[in-house]
Amino acid sequence: MSAAPENSFHVSDLDLAADQAVAACGGDARETVKALLVANDFLEQQLDELRAKVSTGYARGRLPPSRERKDEADG
């Protein structure tokens, strides 16, 4: 079973996006990973807010429950 999403990028698109992300962070891979983690956290927060705004009836139960966040799991 493949872990890749159905609408995945082509390999060349991923390579280009990775190169652009690293270049945007001055060539520092560690800073790139940190920036991507911050961006991912922001998007997860937005997703949680949107899930809270959509009624269960409208979604007909199709929305998965929000994932437990790591910082919430530790506390």
PDB file of N, CA and C in Angstrom:
ATOM      1  N   MET A   1       0.846  -1.180   0.000  1.00  0.00           N
ATOM      2  CA  MET A   1       0.000   0.000   0.000  1.00  0.00           C
ATOM      3  C   MET A   1       0.885   1.235   0.000  1.00  0.00           C
ATOM      4  N   SER A   2       0.619   2.161  -0.875  1.00  0.00           N
ATOM      5  CA  SER A   2       1.421   3.362  -1.008  1.00  0.00           C
ATOM      6  C   SER A   2       0.987   4.427  -0.004  1.00  0.00           C
ATOM      7  N   ALA A   3       1.942   5.131   0.546  1.00  0.00           N
ATOM      8  CA  ALA A   3       1.644   6.206   1.493  1.00  0.00           C
ATOM      9  C   ALA A   3       1.455   7.534   0.777  1.00  0.00           C
ATOM     10  N   ALA A   4       1.678   7.570  -0.540  1.00  0.00           N
ATOM     11  CA  ALA A   4       1.561   8.815  -1.294  1.00  0.00           C
ATOM     12  C   ALA A   4       0.094   9.185  -1.482  1.00  0.00           C
ATOM     13  N   PRO A   5      -0.215  10.480  -1.386  1.00  0.00           N
ATOM     14  CA  PRO A   5      -1.592  10.909  -1.613  1.00  0.00           C
ATOM     15  C   PRO A   5      -1.996  10.723  -3.067  1.00  0.00           C
ATOM     16  N   GLU A   6      -3.302  10.649  -3.308  1.00  0.00           N
ATOM     17  CA  GLU A   6      -3.799  10.421  -4.657  1.00  0.00           C
ATOM     18  C   GLU A   6      -3.379  11.535  -5.612  1.00  0.00           C
ATOM     19  N   ASN A   7      -3.471  12.771  -5.178  1.00  0.00           N
ATOM     20  CA  ASN A   7      -3.148  13.918  -6.018  1.00  0.00           C
ATOM     21  C   ASN A   7      -1.725  14.376  -5.746  1.00  0.00           C
ATOM     22  N   SER A   8      -0.769  13.479  -5.854  1.00  0.00           N
ATOM     23  CA  SER A   8       0.608  13.808  -5.514  1.00  0.00           C
ATOM     24  C   SER A   8       1.261  14.603  -6.639  1.00  0.00           C
ATOM     25  N   PHE A   9       2.280  15.339  -6.258  1.00  0.00           N
ATOM     26  CA  PHE A   9       3.079  16.073  -7.229  1.00  0.00           C
ATOM     27  C   PHE A   9       3.907  15.088  -8.032  1.00  0.00           C
ATOM     28  N   HIS A  10       4.336  15.520  -9.192  1.00  0.00           N
ATOM     29  CA  HIS A  10       5.337  14.749  -9.919  1.00  0.00           C
ATOM     30  C   HIS A  10       6.658  14.937  -9.180  1.00  0.00           C
ATOM     31  N   VAL A  11       7.558  14.001  -9.324  1.00  0.00           N
ATOM     32  CA  VAL A  11       8.844  14.063  -8.622  1.00  0.00           C
ATOM     33  C   VAL A  11       9.571  15.359  -8.960  1.00  0.00           C
ATOM     34  N   SER A  12       9.545  15.758 -10.215  1.00  0.00           N
ATOM     35  CA  SER A  12      10.244  16.987 -10.606  1.00  0.00           C
ATOM     36  C   SER A  12       9.619  18.203  -9.935  1.00  0.00           C
ATOM     37  N   ASP A  13       8.296  18.209  -9.742  1.00  0.00           N
ATOM     38  CA  ASP A  13       7.629  19.314  -9.051  1.00  0.00           C
ATOM     39  C   ASP A  13       8.046  19.366  -7.587  1.00  0.00           C
ATOM     40  N   LEU A  14       8.171  18.192  -6.955  1.00  0.00           N
ATOM     41  CA  LEU A  14       8.598  18.145  -5.564  1.00  0.00           C
ATOM     42  C   LEU A  14      10.040  18.615  -5.423  1.00  0.00           C
ATOM     43  N   ASP A  15      10.882  18.195  -6.343  1.00  0.00           N
ATOM     44  CA  ASP A  15      12.280  18.627  -6.306  1.00  0.00           C
ATOM     45  C   ASP A  15      12.385  20.137  -6.464  1.00  0.00           C
ATOM     46  N   LEU A  16      11.628  20.691  -7.392  1.00  0.00           N
ATOM     47  CA  LEU A  16      11.642  22.131  -7.613  1.00  0.00           C
ATOM     48  C   LEU A  16      11.127  22.869  -6.381  1.00  0.00           C
ATOM     49  N   ALA A  17      10.029  22.394  -5.794  1.00  0.00           N
ATOM     50  CA  ALA A  17       9.478  23.028  -4.601  1.00  0.00           C
ATOM     51  C   ALA A  17      10.461  22.943  -3.432  1.00  0.00           C
ATOM     52  N   ALA A  18      11.130  21.803  -3.291  1.00  0.00           N
ATOM     53  CA  ALA A  18      12.118  21.647  -2.219  1.00  0.00           C
ATOM     54  C   ALA A  18      13.287  22.602  -2.435  1.00  0.00           C
ATOM     55  N   ASP A  19      13.758  22.694  -3.660  1.00  0.00           N
ATOM     56  CA  ASP A  19      14.859  23.613  -3.960  1.00  0.00           C
ATOM     57  C   ASP A  19      14.468  25.052  -3.671  1.00  0.00           C
ATOM     58  N   GLN A  20      13.238  25.432  -4.014  1.00  0.00           N
ATOM     59  CA  GLN A  20      12.768  26.789  -3.759  1.00  0.00           C
ATOM     60  C   GLN A  20      12.652  27.068  -2.266  1.00  0.00           C
ATOM     61  N   ALA A  21      12.173  26.086  -1.505  1.00  0.00           N
ATOM     62  CA  ALA A  21      12.044  26.260  -0.059  1.00  0.00           C
ATOM     63  C   ALA A  21      13.409  26.427   0.591  1.00  0.00           C
ATOM     64  N   VAL A  22      14.361  25.616   0.184  1.00  0.00           N
ATOM     65  CA  VAL A  22      15.710  25.716   0.744  1.00  0.00           C
ATOM     66  C   VAL A  22      16.344  27.054   0.355  1.00  0.00           C
ATOM     67  N   ALA A  23      16.150  27.470  -0.883  1.00  0.00           N
ATOM     68  CA  ALA A  23      16.705  28.748  -1.330  1.00  0.00           C
ATOM     69  C   ALA A  23      16.089  29.911  -0.555  1.00  0.00           C
ATOM     70  N   ALA A  24      14.786  29.822  -0.262  1.00  0.00           N
ATOM     71  CA  ALA A  24      14.109  30.884   0.483  1.00  0.00           C
ATOM     72  C   ALA A  24      14.642  30.994   1.904  1.00  0.00           C
ATOM     73  N   CYS A  25      15.236  29.920   2.405  1.00  0.00           N
ATOM     74  CA  CYS A  25      15.792  29.907   3.767  1.00  0.00           C
ATOM     75  C   CYS A  25      17.308  30.039   3.742  1.00  0.00           C
ATOM     76  N   GLY A  26      17.839  30.606   2.677  1.00  0.00           N
ATOM     77  CA  GLY A  26      19.266  30.863   2.590  1.00  0.00           C
ATOM     78  C   GLY A  26      20.121  29.628   2.450  1.00  0.00           C
ATOM     79  N   GLY A  27      19.547  28.526   1.981  1.00  0.00           N
ATOM     80  CA  GLY A  27      20.308  27.308   1.775  1.00  0.00           C
ATOM     81  C   GLY A  27      20.466  26.455   3.021  1.00  0.00           C
ATOM     82  N   ASP A  28      19.864  26.862   4.122  1.00  0.00           N
ATOM     83  CA  ASP A  28      19.986  26.130   5.388  1.00  0.00           C
ATOM     84  C   ASP A  28      18.843  25.134   5.515  1.00  0.00           C
ATOM     85  N   ALA A  29      19.180  23.848   5.440  1.00  0.00           N
ATOM     86  CA  ALA A  29      18.147  22.807   5.481  1.00  0.00           C
ATOM     87  C   ALA A  29      17.400  22.791   6.810  1.00  0.00           C
ATOM     88  N   ARG A  30      18.124  23.025   7.912  1.00  0.00           N
ATOM     89  CA  ARG A  30      17.473  23.036   9.229  1.00  0.00           C
ATOM     90  C   ARG A  30      16.440  24.168   9.326  1.00  0.00           C
ATOM     91  N   GLU A  31      16.798  25.351   8.840  1.00  0.00           N
ATOM     92  CA  GLU A  31      15.860  26.478   8.840  1.00  0.00           C
ATOM     93  C   GLU A  31      14.668  26.193   7.932  1.00  0.00           C
ATOM     94  N   THR A  32      14.916  25.491   6.842  1.00  0.00           N
ATOM     95  CA  THR A  32      13.831  25.123   5.931  1.00  0.00           C
ATOM     96  C   THR A  32      12.837  24.209   6.624  1.00  0.00           C
ATOM     97  N   VAL A  33      13.340  23.207   7.331  1.00  0.00           N
ATOM     98  CA  VAL A  33      12.458  22.283   8.049  1.00  0.00           C
ATOM     99  C   VAL A  33      11.671  23.038   9.109  1.00  0.00           C
ATOM    100  N   LYS A  34      12.321  23.930   9.837  1.00  0.00           N
ATOM    101  CA  LYS A  34      11.624  24.707  10.865  1.00  0.00           C
ATOM    102  C   LYS A  34      10.515  25.566  10.248  1.00  0.00           C
ATOM    103  N   ALA A  35      10.808  26.197   9.108  1.00  0.00           N
ATOM    104  CA  ALA A  35       9.802  27.022   8.440  1.00  0.00           C
ATOM    105  C   ALA A  35       8.625  26.176   7.962  1.00  0.00           C
ATOM    106  N   LEU A  36       8.910  24.994   7.451  1.00  0.00           N
ATOM    107  CA  LEU A  36       7.841  24.115   6.983  1.00  0.00           C
ATOM    108  C   LEU A  36       6.993  23.608   8.150  1.00  0.00           C
ATOM    109  N   LEU A  37       7.621  23.346   9.291  1.00  0.00           N
ATOM    110  CA  LEU A  37       6.859  22.923  10.472  1.00  0.00           C
ATOM    111  C   LEU A  37       5.941  24.033  10.966  1.00  0.00           C
ATOM    112  N   VAL A  38       6.430  25.267  10.944  1.00  0.00           N
ATOM    113  CA  VAL A  38       5.597  26.409  11.342  1.00  0.00           C
ATOM    114  C   VAL A  38       4.424  26.560  10.377  1.00  0.00           C
ATOM    115  N   ALA A  39       4.700  26.449   9.087  1.00  0.00           N
ATOM    116  CA  ALA A  39       3.635  26.566   8.086  1.00  0.00           C
ATOM    117  C   ALA A  39       2.614  25.446   8.247  1.00  0.00           C
ATOM    118  N   ASN A  40       3.071  24.241   8.509  1.00  0.00           N
ATOM    119  CA  ASN A  40       2.166  23.114   8.699  1.00  0.00           C
ATOM    120  C   ASN A  40       1.297  23.310   9.932  1.00  0.00           C
ATOM    121  N   ASP A  41       1.899  23.804  11.018  1.00  0.00           N
ATOM    122  CA  ASP A  41       1.140  24.066  12.239  1.00  0.00           C
ATOM    123  C   ASP A  41       0.055  25.103  11.985  1.00  0.00           C
ATOM    124  N   PHE A  42       0.394  26.158  11.237  1.00  0.00           N
ATOM    125  CA  PHE A  42      -0.583  27.190  10.899  1.00  0.00           C
ATOM    126  C   PHE A  42      -1.744  26.590  10.105  1.00  0.00           C
ATOM    127  N   LEU A  43      -1.441  25.753   9.125  1.00  0.00           N
ATOM    128  CA  LEU A  43      -2.492  25.146   8.311  1.00  0.00           C
ATOM    129  C   LEU A  43      -3.359  24.193   9.132  1.00  0.00           C
ATOM    130  N   GLU A  44      -2.741  23.457  10.071  1.00  0.00           N
ATOM    131  CA  GLU A  44      -3.527  22.572  10.934  1.00  0.00           C
ATOM    132  C   GLU A  44      -4.467  23.370  11.832  1.00  0.00           C
ATOM    133  N   GLN A  45      -4.002  24.525  12.321  1.00  0.00           N
ATOM    134  CA  GLN A  45      -4.871  25.378  13.135  1.00  0.00           C
ATOM    135  C   GLN A  45      -6.050  25.878  12.315  1.00  0.00           C
ATOM    136  N   GLN A  46      -5.786  26.294  11.082  1.00  0.00           N
ATOM    137  CA  GLN A  46      -6.872  26.743  10.209  1.00  0.00           C
ATOM    138  C   GLN A  46      -7.864  25.617   9.959  1.00  0.00           C
ATOM    139  N   LEU A  47      -7.364  24.428   9.720  1.00  0.00           N
ATOM    140  CA  LEU A  47      -8.229  23.284   9.467  1.00  0.00           C
ATOM    141  C   LEU A  47      -9.102  22.983  10.680  1.00  0.00           C
ATOM    142  N   ASP A  48      -8.521  23.032  11.878  1.00  0.00           N
ATOM    143  CA  ASP A  48      -9.295  22.813  13.099  1.00  0.00           C
ATOM    144  C   ASP A  48     -10.402  23.851  13.246  1.00  0.00           C
ATOM    145  N   GLU A  49     -10.078  25.121  12.948  1.00  0.00           N
ATOM    146  CA  GLU A  49     -11.086  26.186  13.029  1.00  0.00           C
ATOM    147  C   GLU A  49     -12.217  25.953  12.029  1.00  0.00           C
ATOM    148  N   LEU A  50     -11.869  25.549  10.824  1.00  0.00           N
ATOM    149  CA  LEU A  50     -12.887  25.305   9.805  1.00  0.00           C
ATOM    150  C   LEU A  50     -13.753  24.100  10.162  1.00  0.00           C
ATOM    151  N   ARG A  51     -13.130  23.047  10.699  1.00  0.00           N
ATOM    152  CA  ARG A  51     -13.907  21.882  11.120  1.00  0.00           C
ATOM    153  C   ARG A  51     -14.907  22.269  12.201  1.00  0.00           C
ATOM    154  N   ALA A  52     -14.506  23.152  13.100  1.00  0.00           N
ATOM    155  CA  ALA A  52     -15.386  23.573  14.186  1.00  0.00           C
ATOM    156  C   ALA A  52     -16.572  24.376  13.649  1.00  0.00           C
ATOM    157  N   LYS A  53     -16.385  25.048  12.538  1.00  0.00           N
ATOM    158  CA  LYS A  53     -17.446  25.879  11.967  1.00  0.00           C
ATOM    159  C   LYS A  53     -18.433  25.094  11.119  1.00  0.00           C
ATOM    160  N   VAL A  54     -18.030  23.925  10.628  1.00  0.00           N
ATOM    161  CA  VAL A  54     -18.897  23.119   9.769  1.00  0.00           C
ATOM    162  C   VAL A  54     -19.740  22.202  10.646  1.00  0.00           C
ATOM    163  N   SER A  55     -21.042  22.250  10.443  1.00  0.00           N
ATOM    164  CA  SER A  55     -21.919  21.417  11.250  1.00  0.00           C
ATOM    165  C   SER A  55     -21.776  19.951  10.865  1.00  0.00           C
ATOM    166  N   THR A  56     -22.018  19.073  11.822  1.00  0.00           N
ATOM    167  CA  THR A  56     -21.942  17.642  11.566  1.00  0.00           C
ATOM    168  C   THR A  56     -22.977  17.229  10.528  1.00  0.00           C
ATOM    169  N   GLY A  57     -24.159  17.846  10.592  1.00  0.00           N
ATOM    170  CA  GLY A  57     -25.199  17.516   9.630  1.00  0.00           C
ATOM    171  C   GLY A  57     -24.807  17.871   8.211  1.00  0.00           C
ATOM    172  N   TYR A  58     -24.192  19.036   8.037  1.00  0.00           N
ATOM    173  CA  TYR A  58     -23.769  19.453   6.706  1.00  0.00           C
ATOM    174  C   TYR A  58     -22.683  18.525   6.172  1.00  0.00           C
ATOM    175  N   ALA A  59     -21.745  18.168   7.020  1.00  0.00           N
ATOM    176  CA  ALA A  59     -20.644  17.315   6.596  1.00  0.00           C
ATOM    177  C   ALA A  59     -21.056  15.857   6.522  1.00  0.00           C
ATOM    178  N   ARG A  60     -22.206  15.525   7.127  1.00  0.00           N
ATOM    179  CA  ARG A  60     -22.721  14.154   7.148  1.00  0.00           C
ATOM    180  C   ARG A  60     -21.678  13.167   7.666  1.00  0.00           C
ATOM    181  N   GLY A  61     -20.922  13.605   8.662  1.00  0.00           N
ATOM    182  CA  GLY A  61     -19.946  12.735   9.277  1.00  0.00           C
ATOM    183  C   GLY A  61     -18.733  12.425   8.431  1.00  0.00           C
ATOM    184  N   ARG A  62     -18.548  13.140   7.314  1.00  0.00           N
ATOM    185  CA  ARG A  62     -17.416  12.852   6.424  1.00  0.00           C
ATOM    186  C   ARG A  62     -16.111  13.444   6.918  1.00  0.00           C
ATOM    187  N   LEU A  63     -16.174  14.375   7.844  1.00  0.00           N
ATOM    188  CA  LEU A  63     -14.945  14.982   8.338  1.00  0.00           C
ATOM    189  C   LEU A  63     -14.345  14.102   9.426  1.00  0.00           C
ATOM    190  N   PRO A  64     -13.089  13.754   9.275  1.00  0.00           N
ATOM    191  CA  PRO A  64     -12.459  12.967  10.339  1.00  0.00           C
ATOM    192  C   PRO A  64     -12.265  13.855  11.559  1.00  0.00           C
ATOM    193  N   PRO A  65     -12.219  13.269  12.731  1.00  0.00           N
ATOM    194  CA  PRO A  65     -11.972  14.085  13.919  1.00  0.00           C
ATOM    195  C   PRO A  65     -10.599  14.721  13.822  1.00  0.00           C
ATOM    196  N   SER A  66     -10.427  15.895  14.409  1.00  0.00           N
ATOM    197  CA  SER A  66      -9.126  16.557  14.329  1.00  0.00           C
ATOM    198  C   SER A  66      -8.094  15.715  15.048  1.00  0.00           C
ATOM    199  N   ARG A  67      -6.903  15.730  14.505  1.00  0.00           N
ATOM    200  CA  ARG A  67      -5.820  14.944  15.096  1.00  0.00           C
ATOM    201  C   ARG A  67      -5.359  15.605  16.380  1.00  0.00           C
ATOM    202  N   GLU A  68      -4.976  14.770  17.334  1.00  0.00           N
ATOM    203  CA  GLU A  68      -4.463  15.303  18.588  1.00  0.00           C
ATOM    204  C   GLU A  68      -3.103  15.911  18.309  1.00  0.00           C
ATOM    205  N   ARG A  69      -2.927  17.133  18.756  1.00  0.00           N
ATOM    206  CA  ARG A  69      -1.679  17.822  18.517  1.00  0.00           C
ATOM    207  C   ARG A  69      -0.641  17.353  19.511  1.00  0.00           C
ATOM    208  N   LYS A  70       0.598  17.341  19.090  1.00  0.00           N
ATOM    209  CA  LYS A  70       1.678  16.827  19.925  1.00  0.00           C
ATOM    210  C   LYS A  70       1.770  17.597  21.240  1.00  0.00           C
ATOM    211  N   ASP A  71       1.659  18.940  21.172  1.00  0.00           N
ATOM    212  CA  ASP A  71       1.785  19.714  22.395  1.00  0.00           C
ATOM    213  C   ASP A  71       0.608  19.474  23.335  1.00  0.00           C
ATOM    214  N   GLU A  72      -0.548  19.097  22.806  1.00  0.00           N
ATOM    215  CA  GLU A  72      -1.696  18.760  23.643  1.00  0.00           C
ATOM    216  C   GLU A  72      -1.551  17.359  24.224  1.00  0.00           C
ATOM    217  N   ALA A  73      -0.895  16.466  23.485  1.00  0.00           N
ATOM    218  CA  ALA A  73      -0.732  15.096  23.952  1.00  0.00           C
ATOM    219  C   ALA A  73       0.247  15.032  25.116  1.00  0.00           C
ATOM    220  N   ASP A  74       1.203  15.958  25.149  1.00  0.00           N
ATOM    221  CA  ASP A  74       2.189  15.953  26.216  1.00  0.00           C
ATOM    222  C   ASP A  74       1.636  16.451  27.537  1.00  0.00           C
ATOM    223  N   GLY A  75       0.605  17.317  27.462  1.00  0.00           N
ATOM    224  CA  GLY A  75       0.104  17.971  28.678  1.00  0.00           C
ATOM    225  C   GLY A  75      -0.934  17.269  29.407  1.00  0.00           C
TER     226      GLY A  75
END
